[in-house]
Amino acid sequence: MSDKGNCYDNPTVESFFKSLKAELVWRRTRRDVEIALFGYINGFYNPRRKHSALGWKSPAACEQRAA
């Protein structure tokens, strides 16, 4: 890793955050951005996204199976 803020360290993530800012943050109010990010993280990323550590199952599917 080089200095803080060097875009050449991780171009994929830097590109993602630039797109996120351009499409979501710069066009909305702070409250709208908070709601949209919360909806994405808690609506898709955490419960439905498949994880390799869970045998490529979603956390929701694993919890359902365990119950």
PDB file of N, CA and C in Angstrom:
ATOM      1  N   MET A   1       0.839  -1.182   0.000  1.00  0.00           N
ATOM      2  CA  MET A   1       0.000   0.000   0.000  1.00  0.00           C
ATOM      3  C   MET A   1       0.879   1.239   0.000  1.00  0.00           C
ATOM      4  N   SER A   2       0.445   2.200  -0.710  1.00  0.00           N
ATOM      5  CA  SER A   2       1.171   3.462  -0.733  1.00  0.00           C
ATOM      6  C   SER A   2       0.444   4.476   0.152  1.00  0.00           C
ATOM      7  N   ASP A   3       0.621   5.719  -0.135  1.00  0.00           N
ATOM      8  CA  ASP A   3       0.033   6.776   0.688  1.00  0.00           C
ATOM      9  C   ASP A   3      -1.485   6.727   0.704  1.00  0.00           C
ATOM     10  N   LYS A   4      -2.049   7.287   1.757  1.00  0.00           N
ATOM     11  CA  LYS A   4      -3.499   7.380   1.903  1.00  0.00           C
ATOM     12  C   LYS A   4      -4.085   8.169   0.731  1.00  0.00           C
ATOM     13  N   GLY A   5      -5.187   7.648   0.177  1.00  0.00           N
ATOM     14  CA  GLY A   5      -5.861   8.345  -0.901  1.00  0.00           C
ATOM     15  C   GLY A   5      -5.299   8.104  -2.286  1.00  0.00           C
ATOM     16  N   ASN A   6      -4.360   7.179  -2.424  1.00  0.00           N
ATOM     17  CA  ASN A   6      -3.780   6.881  -3.725  1.00  0.00           C
ATOM     18  C   ASN A   6      -4.762   6.013  -4.511  1.00  0.00           C
ATOM     19  N   CYS A   7      -5.288   6.528  -5.610  1.00  0.00           N
ATOM     20  CA  CYS A   7      -6.309   5.807  -6.363  1.00  0.00           C
ATOM     21  C   CYS A   7      -5.771   4.568  -7.066  1.00  0.00           C
ATOM     22  N   TYR A   8      -4.467   4.403  -7.150  1.00  0.00           N
ATOM     23  CA  TYR A   8      -3.902   3.245  -7.832  1.00  0.00           C
ATOM     24  C   TYR A   8      -3.799   2.020  -6.915  1.00  0.00           C
ATOM     25  N   ASP A   9      -4.090   2.190  -5.627  1.00  0.00           N
ATOM     26  CA  ASP A   9      -4.048   1.064  -4.707  1.00  0.00           C
ATOM     27  C   ASP A   9      -5.170   0.069  -4.985  1.00  0.00           C
ATOM     28  N   ASN A  10      -6.363   0.559  -5.222  1.00  0.00           N
ATOM     29  CA  ASN A  10      -7.497  -0.315  -5.440  1.00  0.00           C
ATOM     30  C   ASN A  10      -8.452   0.337  -6.440  1.00  0.00           C
ATOM     31  N   PRO A  11      -8.153   0.231  -7.727  1.00  0.00           N
ATOM     32  CA  PRO A  11      -8.967   0.947  -8.719  1.00  0.00           C
ATOM     33  C   PRO A  11     -10.417   0.481  -8.787  1.00  0.00           C
ATOM     34  N   THR A  12     -10.696  -0.770  -8.482  1.00  0.00           N
ATOM     35  CA  THR A  12     -12.072  -1.262  -8.536  1.00  0.00           C
ATOM     36  C   THR A  12     -12.932  -0.569  -7.487  1.00  0.00           C
ATOM     37  N   VAL A  13     -12.431  -0.509  -6.268  1.00  0.00           N
ATOM     38  CA  VAL A  13     -13.183   0.131  -5.194  1.00  0.00           C
ATOM     39  C   VAL A  13     -13.281   1.634  -5.420  1.00  0.00           C
ATOM     40  N   GLU A  14     -12.195   2.238  -5.876  1.00  0.00           N
ATOM     41  CA  GLU A  14     -12.222   3.669  -6.161  1.00  0.00           C
ATOM     42  C   GLU A  14     -13.265   3.968  -7.239  1.00  0.00           C
ATOM     43  N   SER A  15     -13.357   3.144  -8.255  1.00  0.00           N
ATOM     44  CA  SER A  15     -14.338   3.329  -9.318  1.00  0.00           C
ATOM     45  C   SER A  15     -15.758   3.167  -8.777  1.00  0.00           C
ATOM     46  N   PHE A  16     -15.955   2.174  -7.917  1.00  0.00           N
ATOM     47  CA  PHE A  16     -17.267   1.956  -7.317  1.00  0.00           C
ATOM     48  C   PHE A  16     -17.714   3.178  -6.527  1.00  0.00           C
ATOM     49  N   PHE A  17     -16.838   3.699  -5.674  1.00  0.00           N
ATOM     50  CA  PHE A  17     -17.218   4.840  -4.856  1.00  0.00           C
ATOM     51  C   PHE A  17     -17.423   6.105  -5.696  1.00  0.00           C
ATOM     52  N   LYS A  18     -16.679   6.260  -6.783  1.00  0.00           N
ATOM     53  CA  LYS A  18     -16.908   7.406  -7.662  1.00  0.00           C
ATOM     54  C   LYS A  18     -18.282   7.298  -8.303  1.00  0.00           C
ATOM     55  N   SER A  19     -18.633   6.098  -8.773  1.00  0.00           N
ATOM     56  CA  SER A  19     -19.953   5.896  -9.369  1.00  0.00           C
ATOM     57  C   SER A  19     -21.055   6.102  -8.336  1.00  0.00           C
ATOM     58  N   LEU A  20     -20.847   5.595  -7.133  1.00  0.00           N
ATOM     59  CA  LEU A  20     -21.823   5.758  -6.064  1.00  0.00           C
ATOM     60  C   LEU A  20     -22.063   7.236  -5.782  1.00  0.00           C
ATOM     61  N   LYS A  21     -20.992   7.994  -5.683  1.00  0.00           N
ATOM     62  CA  LYS A  21     -21.134   9.426  -5.422  1.00  0.00           C
ATOM     63  C   LYS A  21     -21.811  10.142  -6.575  1.00  0.00           C
ATOM     64  N   ALA A  22     -21.426   9.818  -7.796  1.00  0.00           N
ATOM     65  CA  ALA A  22     -21.990  10.496  -8.963  1.00  0.00           C
ATOM     66  C   ALA A  22     -23.473  10.189  -9.134  1.00  0.00           C
ATOM     67  N   GLU A  23     -23.875   8.958  -8.894  1.00  0.00           N
ATOM     68  CA  GLU A  23     -25.249   8.557  -9.144  1.00  0.00           C
ATOM     69  C   GLU A  23     -26.166   8.717  -7.948  1.00  0.00           C
ATOM     70  N   LEU A  24     -25.617   8.723  -6.750  1.00  0.00           N
ATOM     71  CA  LEU A  24     -26.466   8.735  -5.563  1.00  0.00           C
ATOM     72  C   LEU A  24     -26.244   9.966  -4.702  1.00  0.00           C
ATOM     73  N   VAL A  25     -25.030  10.221  -4.325  1.00  0.00           N
ATOM     74  CA  VAL A  25     -24.751  11.249  -3.330  1.00  0.00           C
ATOM     75  C   VAL A  25     -24.922  12.652  -3.889  1.00  0.00           C
ATOM     76  N   TRP A  26     -24.354  12.954  -5.020  1.00  0.00           N
ATOM     77  CA  TRP A  26     -24.356  14.317  -5.538  1.00  0.00           C
ATOM     78  C   TRP A  26     -25.730  14.780  -6.000  1.00  0.00           C
ATOM     79  N   ARG A  27     -26.648  13.874  -6.201  1.00  0.00           N
ATOM     80  CA  ARG A  27     -27.964  14.237  -6.732  1.00  0.00           C
ATOM     81  C   ARG A  27     -29.058  14.256  -5.669  1.00  0.00           C
ATOM     82  N   ARG A  28     -28.732  13.978  -4.428  1.00  0.00           N
ATOM     83  CA  ARG A  28     -29.749  13.864  -3.384  1.00  0.00           C
ATOM     84  C   ARG A  28     -29.335  14.606  -2.125  1.00  0.00           C
ATOM     85  N   THR A  29     -30.301  14.711  -1.223  1.00  0.00           N
ATOM     86  CA  THR A  29     -30.002  15.301   0.078  1.00  0.00           C
ATOM     87  C   THR A  29     -29.329  14.253   0.954  1.00  0.00           C
ATOM     88  N   ARG A  30     -28.733  14.705   2.027  1.00  0.00           N
ATOM     89  CA  ARG A  30     -28.043  13.782   2.937  1.00  0.00           C
ATOM     90  C   ARG A  30     -29.003  12.718   3.467  1.00  0.00           C
ATOM     91  N   ARG A  31     -30.202  13.101   3.839  1.00  0.00           N
ATOM     92  CA  ARG A  31     -31.177  12.155   4.393  1.00  0.00           C
ATOM     93  C   ARG A  31     -31.556  11.097   3.353  1.00  0.00           C
ATOM     94  N   ASP A  32     -31.756  11.510   2.114  1.00  0.00           N
ATOM     95  CA  ASP A  32     -32.081  10.559   1.049  1.00  0.00           C
ATOM     96  C   ASP A  32     -30.947   9.557   0.826  1.00  0.00           C
ATOM     97  N   VAL A  33     -29.714  10.035   0.916  1.00  0.00           N
ATOM     98  CA  VAL A  33     -28.549   9.156   0.750  1.00  0.00           C
ATOM     99  C   VAL A  33     -28.494   8.146   1.892  1.00  0.00           C
ATOM    100  N   GLU A  34     -28.722   8.604   3.117  1.00  0.00           N
ATOM    101  CA  GLU A  34     -28.702   7.690   4.264  1.00  0.00           C
ATOM    102  C   GLU A  34     -29.752   6.600   4.109  1.00  0.00           C
ATOM    103  N   ILE A  35     -30.942   6.969   3.685  1.00  0.00           N
ATOM    104  CA  ILE A  35     -32.025   5.989   3.502  1.00  0.00           C
ATOM    105  C   ILE A  35     -31.684   4.995   2.394  1.00  0.00           C
ATOM    106  N   ALA A  36     -31.146   5.497   1.284  1.00  0.00           N
ATOM    107  CA  ALA A  36     -30.800   4.614   0.164  1.00  0.00           C
ATOM    108  C   ALA A  36     -29.687   3.638   0.540  1.00  0.00           C
ATOM    109  N   LEU A  37     -28.651   4.121   1.221  1.00  0.00           N
ATOM    110  CA  LEU A  37     -27.553   3.235   1.631  1.00  0.00           C
ATOM    111  C   LEU A  37     -28.022   2.218   2.659  1.00  0.00           C
ATOM    112  N   PHE A  38     -28.837   2.639   3.604  1.00  0.00           N
ATOM    113  CA  PHE A  38     -29.378   1.712   4.604  1.00  0.00           C
ATOM    114  C   PHE A  38     -30.206   0.625   3.931  1.00  0.00           C
ATOM    115  N   GLY A  39     -31.038   1.032   2.969  1.00  0.00           N
ATOM    116  CA  GLY A  39     -31.845   0.055   2.242  1.00  0.00           C
ATOM    117  C   GLY A  39     -30.999  -0.948   1.472  1.00  0.00           C
ATOM    118  N   TYR A  40     -29.914  -0.480   0.866  1.00  0.00           N
ATOM    119  CA  TYR A  40     -29.036  -1.386   0.125  1.00  0.00           C
ATOM    120  C   TYR A  40     -28.324  -2.355   1.056  1.00  0.00           C
ATOM    121  N   ILE A  41     -27.736  -1.833   2.122  1.00  0.00           N
ATOM    122  CA  ILE A  41     -26.956  -2.685   3.021  1.00  0.00           C
ATOM    123  C   ILE A  41     -27.845  -3.685   3.744  1.00  0.00           C
ATOM    124  N   ASN A  42     -28.954  -3.240   4.288  1.00  0.00           N
ATOM    125  CA  ASN A  42     -29.820  -4.141   5.050  1.00  0.00           C
ATOM    126  C   ASN A  42     -30.821  -4.890   4.194  1.00  0.00           C
ATOM    127  N   GLY A  43     -31.061  -4.424   2.989  1.00  0.00           N
ATOM    128  CA  GLY A  43     -32.029  -5.087   2.126  1.00  0.00           C
ATOM    129  C   GLY A  43     -31.432  -6.104   1.185  1.00  0.00           C
ATOM    130  N   PHE A  44     -30.212  -5.864   0.712  1.00  0.00           N
ATOM    131  CA  PHE A  44     -29.586  -6.791  -0.232  1.00  0.00           C
ATOM    132  C   PHE A  44     -28.266  -7.339   0.290  1.00  0.00           C
ATOM    133  N   TYR A  45     -27.362  -6.463   0.625  1.00  0.00           N
ATOM    134  CA  TYR A  45     -25.995  -6.882   0.893  1.00  0.00           C
ATOM    135  C   TYR A  45     -25.906  -7.864   2.052  1.00  0.00           C
ATOM    136  N   ASN A  46     -26.521  -7.579   3.163  1.00  0.00           N
ATOM    137  CA  ASN A  46     -26.407  -8.464   4.322  1.00  0.00           C
ATOM    138  C   ASN A  46     -27.264  -9.723   4.234  1.00  0.00           C
ATOM    139  N   PRO A  47     -28.593  -9.642   4.040  1.00  0.00           N
ATOM    140  CA  PRO A  47     -29.388 -10.865   4.136  1.00  0.00           C
ATOM    141  C   PRO A  47     -29.437 -11.731   2.886  1.00  0.00           C
ATOM    142  N   ARG A  48     -29.321 -11.129   1.688  1.00  0.00           N
ATOM    143  CA  ARG A  48     -29.531 -11.926   0.472  1.00  0.00           C
ATOM    144  C   ARG A  48     -28.276 -12.268  -0.307  1.00  0.00           C
ATOM    145  N   ARG A  49     -27.201 -11.507  -0.101  1.00  0.00           N
ATOM    146  CA  ARG A  49     -25.983 -11.752  -0.872  1.00  0.00           C
ATOM    147  C   ARG A  49     -25.364 -13.072  -0.422  1.00  0.00           C
ATOM    148  N   LYS A  50     -24.985 -13.895  -1.372  1.00  0.00           N
ATOM    149  CA  LYS A  50     -24.399 -15.199  -1.052  1.00  0.00           C
ATOM    150  C   LYS A  50     -22.951 -15.016  -0.605  1.00  0.00           C
ATOM    151  N   HIS A  51     -22.570 -15.760   0.435  1.00  0.00           N
ATOM    152  CA  HIS A  51     -21.236 -15.659   1.021  1.00  0.00           C
ATOM    153  C   HIS A  51     -20.490 -16.983   0.856  1.00  0.00           C
ATOM    154  N   SER A  52     -19.218 -16.907   0.506  1.00  0.00           N
ATOM    155  CA  SER A  52     -18.419 -18.119   0.337  1.00  0.00           C
ATOM    156  C   SER A  52     -18.243 -18.858   1.659  1.00  0.00           C
ATOM    157  N   ALA A  53     -18.173 -18.135   2.762  1.00  0.00           N
ATOM    158  CA  ALA A  53     -17.995 -18.772   4.072  1.00  0.00           C
ATOM    159  C   ALA A  53     -19.223 -19.584   4.487  1.00  0.00           C
ATOM    160  N   LEU A  54     -20.372 -19.340   3.858  1.00  0.00           N
ATOM    161  CA  LEU A  54     -21.599 -20.053   4.187  1.00  0.00           C
ATOM    162  C   LEU A  54     -21.951 -21.090   3.131  1.00  0.00           C
ATOM    163  N   GLY A  55     -20.968 -21.497   2.347  1.00  0.00           N
ATOM    164  CA  GLY A  55     -21.212 -22.467   1.289  1.00  0.00           C
ATOM    165  C   GLY A  55     -22.026 -21.875   0.154  1.00  0.00           C
ATOM    166  N   TRP A  56     -21.806 -20.631  -0.138  1.00  0.00           N
ATOM    167  CA  TRP A  56     -22.497 -19.873  -1.182  1.00  0.00           C
ATOM    168  C   TRP A  56     -23.998 -19.824  -0.953  1.00  0.00           C
ATOM    169  N   LYS A  57     -24.373 -19.699   0.307  1.00  0.00           N
ATOM    170  CA  LYS A  57     -25.766 -19.486   0.676  1.00  0.00           C
ATOM    171  C   LYS A  57     -25.878 -18.105   1.303  1.00  0.00           C
ATOM    172  N   SER A  58     -27.056 -17.544   1.246  1.00  0.00           N
ATOM    173  CA  SER A  58     -27.263 -16.241   1.860  1.00  0.00           C
ATOM    174  C   SER A  58     -27.424 -16.406   3.369  1.00  0.00           C
ATOM    175  N   PRO A  59     -27.114 -15.377   4.141  1.00  0.00           N
ATOM    176  CA  PRO A  59     -27.319 -15.445   5.594  1.00  0.00           C
ATOM    177  C   PRO A  59     -28.768 -15.730   5.947  1.00  0.00           C
ATOM    178  N   ALA A  60     -29.715 -15.177   5.191  1.00  0.00           N
ATOM    179  CA  ALA A  60     -31.128 -15.429   5.468  1.00  0.00           C
ATOM    180  C   ALA A  60     -31.453 -16.913   5.284  1.00  0.00           C
ATOM    181  N   ALA A  61     -30.903 -17.533   4.231  1.00  0.00           N
ATOM    182  CA  ALA A  61     -31.149 -18.961   3.992  1.00  0.00           C
ATOM    183  C   ALA A  61     -30.544 -19.816   5.104  1.00  0.00           C
ATOM    184  N   CYS A  62     -29.361 -19.448   5.564  1.00  0.00           N
ATOM    185  CA  CYS A  62     -28.723 -20.200   6.659  1.00  0.00           C
ATOM    186  C   CYS A  62     -29.504 -20.085   7.954  1.00  0.00           C
ATOM    187  N   GLU A  63     -30.009 -18.889   8.234  1.00  0.00           N
ATOM    188  CA  GLU A  63     -30.812 -18.697   9.449  1.00  0.00           C
ATOM    189  C   GLU A  63     -32.106 -19.486   9.354  1.00  0.00           C
ATOM    190  N   GLN A  64     -32.725 -19.506   8.181  1.00  0.00           N
ATOM    191  CA  GLN A  64     -33.944 -20.256   7.994  1.00  0.00           C
ATOM    192  C   GLN A  64     -33.714 -21.745   8.202  1.00  0.00           C
ATOM    193  N   ARG A  65     -32.602 -22.246   7.701  1.00  0.00           N
ATOM    194  CA  ARG A  65     -32.268 -23.660   7.824  1.00  0.00           C
ATOM    195  C   ARG A  65     -32.001 -24.023   9.289  1.00  0.00           C
ATOM    196  N   ALA A  66     -31.368 -23.116  10.030  1.00  0.00           N
ATOM    197  CA  ALA A  66     -31.022 -23.384  11.426  1.00  0.00           C
ATOM    198  C   ALA A  66     -32.247 -23.328  12.346  1.00  0.00           C
ATOM    199  N   ALA A  67     -33.265 -22.594  11.944  1.00  0.00           N
ATOM    200  CA  ALA A  67     -34.458 -22.429  12.815  1.00  0.00           C
ATOM    201  C   ALA A  67     -35.372 -23.614  12.768  1.00  0.00           C
TER     202      ALA A  67
END
